[in-house]
Amino acid sequence: FRSMSVLDNVRVGGHSQSRGDFLSDALHLPWVRRQERSLEQSAREL
């Protein structure tokens, strides 16, 4: 995704290992926030 940052491109790759649904993401439930933090941490490590 050329218009996106390096970090966001790498985070996209991690979404295959995540779980979620439209409603949970829209409500930004606590487990969704934890998952997003984990994805960002993994992306930064890579």
All heavy atoms as atom14 arrays in JSON, in Angstrom:
{
  "sequence": "FRSMSVLDNVRVGGHSQSRGDFLSDALHLPWVRRQERSLEQSAREL",
  "atom14_mask": [
    [1, 1, 1, 1, 1, 1, 1, 1, 1, 1, 1, 0, 0, 0],
    [1, 1, 1, 1, 1, 1, 1, 1, 1, 1, 1, 0, 0, 0],
    [1, 1, 1, 1, 1, 1, 0, 0, 0, 0, 0, 0, 0, 0],
    [1, 1, 1, 1, 1, 1, 1, 1, 0, 0, 0, 0, 0, 0],
    [1, 1, 1, 1, 1, 1, 0, 0, 0, 0, 0, 0, 0, 0],
    [1, 1, 1, 1, 1, 1, 1, 0, 0, 0, 0, 0, 0, 0],
    [1, 1, 1, 1, 1, 1, 1, 1, 0, 0, 0, 0, 0, 0],
    [1, 1, 1, 1, 1, 1, 1, 1, 0, 0, 0, 0, 0, 0],
    [1, 1, 1, 1, 1, 1, 1, 1, 0, 0, 0, 0, 0, 0],
    [1, 1, 1, 1, 1, 1, 1, 0, 0, 0, 0, 0, 0, 0],
    [1, 1, 1, 1, 1, 1, 1, 1, 1, 1, 1, 0, 0, 0],
    [1, 1, 1, 1, 1, 1, 1, 0, 0, 0, 0, 0, 0, 0],
    [1, 1, 1, 1, 0, 0, 0, 0, 0, 0, 0, 0, 0, 0],
    [1, 1, 1, 1, 0, 0, 0, 0, 0, 0, 0, 0, 0, 0],
    [1, 1, 1, 1, 1, 1, 1, 1, 1, 1, 0, 0, 0, 0],
    [1, 1, 1, 1, 1, 1, 0, 0, 0, 0, 0, 0, 0, 0],
    [1, 1, 1, 1, 1, 1, 1, 1, 1, 0, 0, 0, 0, 0],
    [1, 1, 1, 1, 1, 1, 0, 0, 0, 0, 0, 0, 0, 0],
    [1, 1, 1, 1, 1, 1, 1, 1, 1, 1, 1, 0, 0, 0],
    [1, 1, 1, 1, 0, 0, 0, 0, 0, 0, 0, 0, 0, 0],
    [1, 1, 1, 1, 1, 1, 1, 1, 0, 0, 0, 0, 0, 0],
    [1, 1, 1, 1, 1, 1, 1, 1, 1, 1, 1, 0, 0, 0],
    [1, 1, 1, 1, 1, 1, 1, 1, 0, 0, 0, 0, 0, 0],
    [1, 1, 1, 1, 1, 1, 0, 0, 0, 0, 0, 0, 0, 0],
    [1, 1, 1, 1, 1, 1, 1, 1, 0, 0, 0, 0, 0, 0],
    [1, 1, 1, 1, 1, 0, 0, 0, 0, 0, 0, 0, 0, 0],
    [1, 1, 1, 1, 1, 1, 1, 1, 0, 0, 0, 0, 0, 0],
    [1, 1, 1, 1, 1, 1, 1, 1, 1, 1, 0, 0, 0, 0],
    [1, 1, 1, 1, 1, 1, 1, 1, 0, 0, 0, 0, 0, 0],
    [1, 1, 1, 1, 1, 1, 1, 0, 0, 0, 0, 0, 0, 0],
    [1, 1, 1, 1, 1, 1, 1, 1, 1, 1, 1, 1, 1, 1],
    [1, 1, 1, 1, 1, 1, 1, 0, 0, 0, 0, 0, 0, 0],
    [1, 1, 1, 1, 1, 1, 1, 1, 1, 1, 1, 0, 0, 0],
    [1, 1, 1, 1, 1, 1, 1, 1, 1, 1, 1, 0, 0, 0],
    [1, 1, 1, 1, 1, 1, 1, 1, 1, 0, 0, 0, 0, 0],
    [1, 1, 1, 1, 1, 1, 1, 1, 1, 0, 0, 0, 0, 0],
    [1, 1, 1, 1, 1, 1, 1, 1, 1, 1, 1, 0, 0, 0],
    [1, 1, 1, 1, 1, 1, 0, 0, 0, 0, 0, 0, 0, 0],
    [1, 1, 1, 1, 1, 1, 1, 1, 0, 0, 0, 0, 0, 0],
    [1, 1, 1, 1, 1, 1, 1, 1, 1, 0, 0, 0, 0, 0],
    [1, 1, 1, 1, 1, 1, 1, 1, 1, 0, 0, 0, 0, 0],
    [1, 1, 1, 1, 1, 1, 0, 0, 0, 0, 0, 0, 0, 0],
    [1, 1, 1, 1, 1, 0, 0, 0, 0, 0, 0, 0, 0, 0],
    [1, 1, 1, 1, 1, 1, 1, 1, 1, 1, 1, 0, 0, 0],
    [1, 1, 1, 1, 1, 1, 1, 1, 1, 0, 0, 0, 0, 0],
    [1, 1, 1, 1, 1, 1, 1, 1, 0, 0, 0, 0, 0, 0]
  ],
  "atom14_positions": [
    [[0.87, -1.18, 0.0], [0.0, 0.0, 0.0], [0.91, 1.23, 0.0], [1.4, 1.66, 1.04], [-0.91, 0.0, 1.23], [-1.92, -1.12, 1.23], [-1.76, -2.22, 2.05], [-3.03, -1.06, 0.4], [-2.69, -3.25, 2.05], [-3.97, -2.08, 0.4], [-3.8, -3.18, 1.23], [0.0, 0.0, 0.0], [0.0, 0.0, 0.0], [0.0, 0.0, 0.0]],
    [[1.15, 1.78, -1.16], [2.2, 2.78, -1.32], [1.89, 4.09, -0.59], [2.81, 4.81, -0.21], [2.43, 3.05, -2.81], [3.04, 1.85, -3.53], [3.17, 2.07, -5.02], [3.89, 3.29, -5.35], [5.22, 3.4, -5.34], [5.96, 2.35, -4.99], [5.8, 4.53, -5.67], [0.0, 0.0, 0.0], [0.0, 0.0, 0.0], [0.0, 0.0, 0.0]],
    [[0.64, 4.4, -0.39], [0.29, 5.66, 0.28], [0.28, 5.52, 1.8], [0.12, 6.51, 2.52], [-1.08, 6.15, -0.19], [-2.09, 5.23, 0.14], [0.0, 0.0, 0.0], [0.0, 0.0, 0.0], [0.0, 0.0, 0.0], [0.0, 0.0, 0.0], [0.0, 0.0, 0.0], [0.0, 0.0, 0.0], [0.0, 0.0, 0.0], [0.0, 0.0, 0.0]],
    [[0.47, 4.3, 2.3], [0.48, 4.06, 3.74], [1.9, 4.03, 4.27], [2.87, 3.84, 3.52], [-0.24, 2.73, 4.06], [-1.74, 2.8, 3.85], [-2.56, 1.17, 3.88], [-1.9, 0.44, 5.37], [0.0, 0.0, 0.0], [0.0, 0.0, 0.0], [0.0, 0.0, 0.0], [0.0, 0.0, 0.0], [0.0, 0.0, 0.0], [0.0, 0.0, 0.0]],
    [[2.04, 4.18, 5.57], [3.36, 4.16, 6.2], [3.9, 2.73, 6.25], [3.15, 1.75, 6.09], [3.29, 4.72, 7.62], [2.59, 3.82, 8.47], [0.0, 0.0, 0.0], [0.0, 0.0, 0.0], [0.0, 0.0, 0.0], [0.0, 0.0, 0.0], [0.0, 0.0, 0.0], [0.0, 0.0, 0.0], [0.0, 0.0, 0.0], [0.0, 0.0, 0.0]],
    [[5.19, 2.64, 6.51], [5.82, 1.34, 6.7], [5.14, 0.58, 7.83], [4.79, -0.6, 7.7], [7.32, 1.51, 6.99], [7.95, 0.2, 7.46], [8.05, 2.05, 5.76], [0.0, 0.0, 0.0], [0.0, 0.0, 0.0], [0.0, 0.0, 0.0], [0.0, 0.0, 0.0], [0.0, 0.0, 0.0], [0.0, 0.0, 0.0], [0.0, 0.0, 0.0]],
    [[4.94, 1.26, 8.96], [4.31, 0.62, 10.12], [2.93, 0.07, 9.77], [2.6, -1.08, 10.11], [4.21, 1.61, 11.28], [3.49, 1.12, 12.55], [4.18, -0.11, 13.13], [3.4, 2.24, 13.58], [0.0, 0.0, 0.0], [0.0, 0.0, 0.0], [0.0, 0.0, 0.0], [0.0, 0.0, 0.0], [0.0, 0.0, 0.0], [0.0, 0.0, 0.0]],
    [[2.12, 0.86, 9.07], [0.77, 0.41, 8.74], [0.79, -0.76, 7.76], [-0.04, -1.67, 7.84], [-0.05, 1.57, 8.17], [-0.47, 2.57, 9.24], [-0.45, 2.2, 10.43], [-0.8, 3.72, 8.88], [0.0, 0.0, 0.0], [0.0, 0.0, 0.0], [0.0, 0.0, 0.0], [0.0, 0.0, 0.0], [0.0, 0.0, 0.0], [0.0, 0.0, 0.0]],
    [[1.73, -0.75, 6.81], [1.85, -1.89, 5.9], [2.16, -3.17, 6.65], [1.58, -4.22, 6.36], [2.93, -1.62, 4.86], [2.39, -1.0, 3.58], [1.91, -1.7, 2.7], [2.46, 0.32, 3.51], [0.0, 0.0, 0.0], [0.0, 0.0, 0.0], [0.0, 0.0, 0.0], [0.0, 0.0, 0.0], [0.0, 0.0, 0.0], [0.0, 0.0, 0.0]],
    [[3.07, -3.09, 7.6], [3.45, -4.29, 8.36], [2.3, -4.74, 9.26], [2.04, -5.94, 9.4], [4.73, -4.04, 9.18], [5.12, -5.29, 9.97], [5.88, -3.64, 8.26], [0.0, 0.0, 0.0], [0.0, 0.0, 0.0], [0.0, 0.0, 0.0], [0.0, 0.0, 0.0], [0.0, 0.0, 0.0], [0.0, 0.0, 0.0], [0.0, 0.0, 0.0]],
    [[1.58, -3.79, 9.83], [0.42, -4.14, 10.66], [-0.64, -4.88, 9.85], [-1.29, -5.8, 10.35], [-0.18, -2.89, 11.29], [0.65, -2.3, 12.42], [0.06, -1.01, 12.92], [-1.28, -1.2, 13.45], [-2.09, -0.2, 13.81], [-1.69, 1.05, 13.64], [-3.27, -0.44, 14.31], [0.0, 0.0, 0.0], [0.0, 0.0, 0.0], [0.0, 0.0, 0.0]],
    [[-0.82, -4.48, 8.58], [-1.78, -5.17, 7.71], [-1.44, -6.66, 7.61], [-2.32, -7.52, 7.66], [-1.8, -4.52, 6.32], [-2.49, -5.42, 5.3], [-2.5, -3.17, 6.37], [0.0, 0.0, 0.0], [0.0, 0.0, 0.0], [0.0, 0.0, 0.0], [0.0, 0.0, 0.0], [0.0, 0.0, 0.0], [0.0, 0.0, 0.0], [0.0, 0.0, 0.0]],
    [[-0.14, -6.96, 7.5], [0.27, -8.36, 7.41], [-0.12, -9.16, 8.64], [-0.41, -10.36, 8.54], [0.0, 0.0, 0.0], [0.0, 0.0, 0.0], [0.0, 0.0, 0.0], [0.0, 0.0, 0.0], [0.0, 0.0, 0.0], [0.0, 0.0, 0.0], [0.0, 0.0, 0.0], [0.0, 0.0, 0.0], [0.0, 0.0, 0.0], [0.0, 0.0, 0.0]],
    [[-0.14, -8.52, 9.8], [-0.48, -9.22, 11.03], [-1.95, -9.49, 11.22], [-2.34, -10.31, 12.06], [0.0, 0.0, 0.0], [0.0, 0.0, 0.0], [0.0, 0.0, 0.0], [0.0, 0.0, 0.0], [0.0, 0.0, 0.0], [0.0, 0.0, 0.0], [0.0, 0.0, 0.0], [0.0, 0.0, 0.0], [0.0, 0.0, 0.0], [0.0, 0.0, 0.0]],
    [[-2.8, -8.84, 10.44], [-4.24, -9.0, 10.62], [-4.73, -10.4, 10.27], [-5.82, -10.8, 10.7], [-5.01, -7.96, 9.8], [-5.17, -6.65, 10.5], [-6.09, -6.45, 11.5], [-4.49, -5.48, 10.39], [-6.0, -5.21, 11.95], [-5.03, -4.6, 11.29], [0.0, 0.0, 0.0], [0.0, 0.0, 0.0], [0.0, 0.0, 0.0], [0.0, 0.0, 0.0]],
    [[-3.94, -11.16, 9.53], [-4.36, -12.53, 9.22], [-4.39, -13.4, 10.47], [-5.04, -14.44, 10.5], [-3.42, -13.16, 8.19], [-2.11, -13.28, 8.72], [0.0, 0.0, 0.0], [0.0, 0.0, 0.0], [0.0, 0.0, 0.0], [0.0, 0.0, 0.0], [0.0, 0.0, 0.0], [0.0, 0.0, 0.0], [0.0, 0.0, 0.0], [0.0, 0.0, 0.0]],
    [[-3.66, -12.97, 11.5], [-3.61, -13.74, 12.74], [-4.55, -13.17, 13.8], [-4.53, -13.6, 14.95], [-2.17, -13.74, 13.29], [-1.15, -14.32, 12.33], [-1.46, -15.76, 11.97], [-1.65, -16.6, 12.83], [-1.54, -16.04, 10.67], [0.0, 0.0, 0.0], [0.0, 0.0, 0.0], [0.0, 0.0, 0.0], [0.0, 0.0, 0.0], [0.0, 0.0, 0.0]],
    [[-5.35, -12.19, 13.43], [-6.24, -11.56, 14.4], [-7.66, -12.09, 14.25], [-8.0, -12.74, 13.27], [-6.24, -10.03, 14.22], [-6.79, -9.69, 12.96], [0.0, 0.0, 0.0], [0.0, 0.0, 0.0], [0.0, 0.0, 0.0], [0.0, 0.0, 0.0], [0.0, 0.0, 0.0], [0.0, 0.0, 0.0], [0.0, 0.0, 0.0], [0.0, 0.0, 0.0]],
    [[-8.49, -11.81, 15.24], [-9.89, -12.18, 15.15], [-10.71, -10.91, 15.4], [-10.29, -10.01, 16.12], [-10.25, -13.26, 16.18], [-10.01, -12.85, 17.63], [-10.22, -14.01, 18.59], [-10.0, -13.59, 19.96], [-10.95, -13.1, 20.75], [-12.18, -12.96, 20.28], [-10.68, -12.75, 22.0], [0.0, 0.0, 0.0], [0.0, 0.0, 0.0], [0.0, 0.0, 0.0]],
    [[-11.85, -10.85, 14.82], [-12.67, -9.67, 15.0], [-13.91, -9.74, 14.14], [-14.07, -10.63, 13.31], [0.0, 0.0, 0.0], [0.0, 0.0, 0.0], [0.0, 0.0, 0.0], [0.0, 0.0, 0.0], [0.0, 0.0, 0.0], [0.0, 0.0, 0.0], [0.0, 0.0, 0.0], [0.0, 0.0, 0.0], [0.0, 0.0, 0.0], [0.0, 0.0, 0.0]],
    [[-14.81, -8.8, 14.36], [-16.01, -8.69, 13.56], [-16.38, -7.22, 13.5], [-15.84, -6.39, 14.23], [-17.15, -9.53, 14.15], [-17.44, -9.17, 15.59], [-18.01, -8.08, 15.83], [-17.08, -9.96, 16.49], [0.0, 0.0, 0.0], [0.0, 0.0, 0.0], [0.0, 0.0, 0.0], [0.0, 0.0, 0.0], [0.0, 0.0, 0.0], [0.0, 0.0, 0.0]],
    [[-17.31, -6.89, 12.62], [-17.64, -5.49, 12.39], [-18.11, -4.8, 13.66], [-17.67, -3.69, 13.98], [-18.72, -5.39, 11.3], [-19.19, -3.98, 11.06], [-18.42, -3.1, 10.31], [-20.37, -3.53, 11.62], [-18.84, -1.8, 10.1], [-20.8, -2.22, 11.42], [-20.03, -1.36, 10.65], [0.0, 0.0, 0.0], [0.0, 0.0, 0.0], [0.0, 0.0, 0.0]],
    [[-19.01, -5.45, 14.42], [-19.57, -4.82, 15.6], [-18.51, -4.59, 16.68], [-18.42, -3.49, 17.26], [-20.71, -5.68, 16.17], [-21.45, -5.1, 17.39], [-22.07, -3.74, 17.04], [-22.52, -6.07, 17.88], [0.0, 0.0, 0.0], [0.0, 0.0, 0.0], [0.0, 0.0, 0.0], [0.0, 0.0, 0.0], [0.0, 0.0, 0.0], [0.0, 0.0, 0.0]],
    [[-17.68, -5.61, 16.93], [-16.63, -5.47, 17.95], [-15.65, -4.36, 17.59], [-15.24, -3.57, 18.43], [-15.88, -6.8, 18.12], [-16.73, -7.82, 18.56], [0.0, 0.0, 0.0], [0.0, 0.0, 0.0], [0.0, 0.0, 0.0], [0.0, 0.0, 0.0], [0.0, 0.0, 0.0], [0.0, 0.0, 0.0], [0.0, 0.0, 0.0], [0.0, 0.0, 0.0]],
    [[-15.28, -4.32, 16.29], [-14.35, -3.28, 15.85], [-14.99, -1.9, 15.95], [-14.34, -0.93, 16.36], [-13.92, -3.55, 14.4], [-13.02, -4.78, 14.28], [-12.51, -5.24, 15.31], [-12.85, -5.27, 13.15], [0.0, 0.0, 0.0], [0.0, 0.0, 0.0], [0.0, 0.0, 0.0], [0.0, 0.0, 0.0], [0.0, 0.0, 0.0], [0.0, 0.0, 0.0]],
    [[-16.27, -1.81, 15.59], [-16.96, -0.52, 15.64], [-17.08, 0.0, 17.07], [-16.94, 1.2, 17.33], [-18.34, -0.63, 15.0], [0.0, 0.0, 0.0], [0.0, 0.0, 0.0], [0.0, 0.0, 0.0], [0.0, 0.0, 0.0], [0.0, 0.0, 0.0], [0.0, 0.0, 0.0], [0.0, 0.0, 0.0], [0.0, 0.0, 0.0], [0.0, 0.0, 0.0]],
    [[-17.33, -0.91, 18.01], [-17.47, -0.52, 19.42], [-16.12, -0.36, 20.11], [-16.05, 0.14, 21.23], [-18.32, -1.56, 20.16], [-19.78, -1.66, 19.73], [-20.47, -2.81, 20.46], [-20.51, -0.35, 19.98], [0.0, 0.0, 0.0], [0.0, 0.0, 0.0], [0.0, 0.0, 0.0], [0.0, 0.0, 0.0], [0.0, 0.0, 0.0], [0.0, 0.0, 0.0]],
    [[-15.06, -0.83, 19.42], [-13.7, -0.73, 19.96], [-13.65, -1.34, 21.37], [-13.21, -0.7, 22.34], [-13.26, 0.74, 19.99], [-11.78, 0.9, 19.79], [-11.1, 0.29, 18.76], [-10.85, 1.6, 20.48], [-9.83, 0.6, 18.82], [-9.64, 1.4, 19.86], [0.0, 0.0, 0.0], [0.0, 0.0, 0.0], [0.0, 0.0, 0.0], [0.0, 0.0, 0.0]],
    [[-14.12, -2.56, 21.47], [-14.18, -3.27, 22.74], [-12.78, -3.47, 23.32], [-11.79, -3.45, 22.58], [-14.87, -4.62, 22.55], [-16.34, -4.55, 22.11], [-16.9, -5.94, 21.89], [-17.18, -3.78, 23.12], [0.0, 0.0, 0.0], [0.0, 0.0, 0.0], [0.0, 0.0, 0.0], [0.0, 0.0, 0.0], [0.0, 0.0, 0.0], [0.0, 0.0, 0.0]],
    [[-12.69, -3.67, 24.65], [-11.36, -3.8, 25.28], [-10.48, -4.86, 24.64], [-9.29, -4.65, 24.44], [-11.71, -4.16, 26.73], [-13.04, -3.52, 26.96], [-13.77, -3.66, 25.65], [0.0, 0.0, 0.0], [0.0, 0.0, 0.0], [0.0, 0.0, 0.0], [0.0, 0.0, 0.0], [0.0, 0.0, 0.0], [0.0, 0.0, 0.0], [0.0, 0.0, 0.0]],
    [[-11.06, -6.04, 24.3], [-10.23, -7.08, 23.7], [-9.73, -6.67, 22.31], [-8.65, -7.08, 21.88], [-10.96, -8.42, 23.66], [-12.11, -8.51, 22.71], [-13.43, -8.3, 22.98], [-12.05, -8.86, 21.32], [-14.19, -8.48, 21.86], [-13.38, -8.83, 20.83], [-11.01, -9.18, 20.45], [-13.69, -9.13, 19.51], [-11.32, -9.46, 19.13], [-12.64, -9.43, 18.67]],
    [[-10.52, -5.85, 21.62], [-10.08, -5.34, 20.31], [-8.91, -4.39, 20.49], [-7.93, -4.44, 19.73], [-11.25, -4.63, 19.58], [-10.75, -3.95, 18.31], [-12.36, -5.63, 19.25], [0.0, 0.0, 0.0], [0.0, 0.0, 0.0], [0.0, 0.0, 0.0], [0.0, 0.0, 0.0], [0.0, 0.0, 0.0], [0.0, 0.0, 0.0], [0.0, 0.0, 0.0]],
    [[-8.98, -3.54, 21.51], [-7.87, -2.61, 21.77], [-6.6, -3.37, 22.14], [-5.5, -3.02, 21.69], [-8.26, -1.62, 22.87], [-9.38, -0.67, 22.47], [-9.45, 0.53, 23.41], [-9.77, 0.14, 24.78], [-11.0, 0.02, 25.26], [-12.06, 0.25, 24.47], [-11.21, -0.33, 26.52], [0.0, 0.0, 0.0], [0.0, 0.0, 0.0], [0.0, 0.0, 0.0]],
    [[-6.76, -4.42, 22.95], [-5.59, -5.24, 23.33], [-4.98, -5.9, 22.1], [-3.76, -5.97, 21.95], [-5.99, -6.29, 24.36], [-6.28, -5.74, 25.75], [-6.33, -6.84, 26.78], [-7.4, -7.81, 26.51], [-8.65, -7.68, 26.97], [-8.99, -6.62, 27.71], [-9.55, -8.6, 26.7], [0.0, 0.0, 0.0], [0.0, 0.0, 0.0], [0.0, 0.0, 0.0]],
    [[-5.84, -6.39, 21.22], [-5.36, -7.03, 20.0], [-4.62, -6.05, 19.11], [-3.57, -6.37, 18.55], [-6.55, -7.63, 19.24], [-6.19, -8.34, 17.97], [-7.39, -9.05, 17.37], [-7.61, -10.22, 17.61], [-8.17, -8.32, 16.58], [0.0, 0.0, 0.0], [0.0, 0.0, 0.0], [0.0, 0.0, 0.0], [0.0, 0.0, 0.0], [0.0, 0.0, 0.0]],
    [[-5.15, -4.83, 18.98], [-4.49, -3.81, 18.16], [-3.13, -3.44, 18.73], [-2.16, -3.24, 17.99], [-5.38, -2.57, 18.04], [-6.6, -2.76, 17.14], [-6.22, -3.09, 15.72], [-5.25, -2.5, 15.21], [-6.87, -3.95, 15.11], [0.0, 0.0, 0.0], [0.0, 0.0, 0.0], [0.0, 0.0, 0.0], [0.0, 0.0, 0.0], [0.0, 0.0, 0.0]],
    [[-3.05, -3.36, 20.07], [-1.75, -3.07, 20.7], [-0.75, -4.19, 20.43], [0.43, -3.94, 20.18], [-1.93, -2.86, 22.21], [-2.56, -1.52, 22.58], [-2.37, -1.2, 24.04], [-3.02, -2.18, 24.91], [-4.28, -2.07, 25.36], [-5.03, -1.02, 25.01], [-4.79, -2.99, 26.14], [0.0, 0.0, 0.0], [0.0, 0.0, 0.0], [0.0, 0.0, 0.0]],
    [[-1.24, -5.42, 20.48], [-0.37, -6.57, 20.22], [0.12, -6.56, 18.77], [1.29, -6.84, 18.5], [-1.13, -7.86, 20.51], [-0.33, -8.99, 20.2], [0.0, 0.0, 0.0], [0.0, 0.0, 0.0], [0.0, 0.0, 0.0], [0.0, 0.0, 0.0], [0.0, 0.0, 0.0], [0.0, 0.0, 0.0], [0.0, 0.0, 0.0], [0.0, 0.0, 0.0]],
    [[-0.78, -6.24, 17.83], [-0.39, -6.16, 16.42], [0.67, -5.09, 16.19], [1.64, -5.3, 15.45], [-1.62, -5.87, 15.55], [-2.58, -7.03, 15.28], [-3.83, -6.52, 14.57], [-1.91, -8.12, 14.46], [0.0, 0.0, 0.0], [0.0, 0.0, 0.0], [0.0, 0.0, 0.0], [0.0, 0.0, 0.0], [0.0, 0.0, 0.0], [0.0, 0.0, 0.0]],
    [[0.49, -3.93, 16.83], [1.46, -2.86, 16.67], [2.8, -3.24, 17.27], [3.86, -2.97, 16.68], [0.95, -1.56, 17.29], [1.97, -0.44, 17.17], [1.35, 0.94, 17.21], [0.11, 1.06, 17.14], [2.12, 1.91, 17.33], [0.0, 0.0, 0.0], [0.0, 0.0, 0.0], [0.0, 0.0, 0.0], [0.0, 0.0, 0.0], [0.0, 0.0, 0.0]],
    [[2.78, -3.88, 18.44], [4.03, -4.3, 19.07], [4.77, -5.3, 18.19], [5.99, -5.22, 18.0], [3.75, -4.93, 20.44], [4.99, -5.37, 21.19], [4.66, -5.96, 22.55], [3.52, -5.91, 23.01], [5.66, -6.53, 23.21], [0.0, 0.0, 0.0], [0.0, 0.0, 0.0], [0.0, 0.0, 0.0], [0.0, 0.0, 0.0], [0.0, 0.0, 0.0]],
    [[4.02, -6.26, 17.62], [4.63, -7.25, 16.74], [5.19, -6.58, 15.48], [6.29, -6.92, 15.03], [3.58, -8.3, 16.35], [4.12, -9.23, 15.44], [0.0, 0.0, 0.0], [0.0, 0.0, 0.0], [0.0, 0.0, 0.0], [0.0, 0.0, 0.0], [0.0, 0.0, 0.0], [0.0, 0.0, 0.0], [0.0, 0.0, 0.0], [0.0, 0.0, 0.0]],
    [[4.45, -5.6, 14.93], [4.92, -4.9, 13.74], [6.2, -4.12, 14.03], [7.14, -4.12, 13.23], [3.83, -3.96, 13.22], [0.0, 0.0, 0.0], [0.0, 0.0, 0.0], [0.0, 0.0, 0.0], [0.0, 0.0, 0.0], [0.0, 0.0, 0.0], [0.0, 0.0, 0.0], [0.0, 0.0, 0.0], [0.0, 0.0, 0.0], [0.0, 0.0, 0.0]],
    [[6.24, -3.46, 15.16], [7.44, -2.69, 15.52], [8.64, -3.61, 15.75], [9.77, -3.25, 15.42], [7.17, -1.83, 16.75], [6.23, -0.65, 16.47], [6.12, 0.29, 17.65], [5.22, 1.4, 17.37], [5.54, 2.49, 16.67], [6.77, 2.61, 16.17], [4.66, 3.45, 16.47], [0.0, 0.0, 0.0], [0.0, 0.0, 0.0], [0.0, 0.0, 0.0]],
    [[8.4, -4.79, 16.3], [9.5, -5.75, 16.49], [10.08, -6.17, 15.15], [11.3, -6.25, 14.98], [8.98, -6.96, 17.27], [10.06, -7.99, 17.63], [10.28, -9.05, 16.56], [9.3, -9.41, 15.88], [11.44, -9.49, 16.39], [0.0, 0.0, 0.0], [0.0, 0.0, 0.0], [0.0, 0.0, 0.0], [0.0, 0.0, 0.0], [0.0, 0.0, 0.0]],
    [[9.2, -6.43, 14.16], [9.68, -6.81, 12.83], [10.39, -5.66, 12.14], [11.38, -5.86, 11.43], [8.5, -7.29, 11.99], [8.04, -8.72, 12.26], [6.7, -8.99, 11.61], [9.09, -9.72, 11.76], [0.0, 0.0, 0.0], [0.0, 0.0, 0.0], [0.0, 0.0, 0.0], [0.0, 0.0, 0.0], [0.0, 0.0, 0.0], [0.0, 0.0, 0.0]]
  ]
}
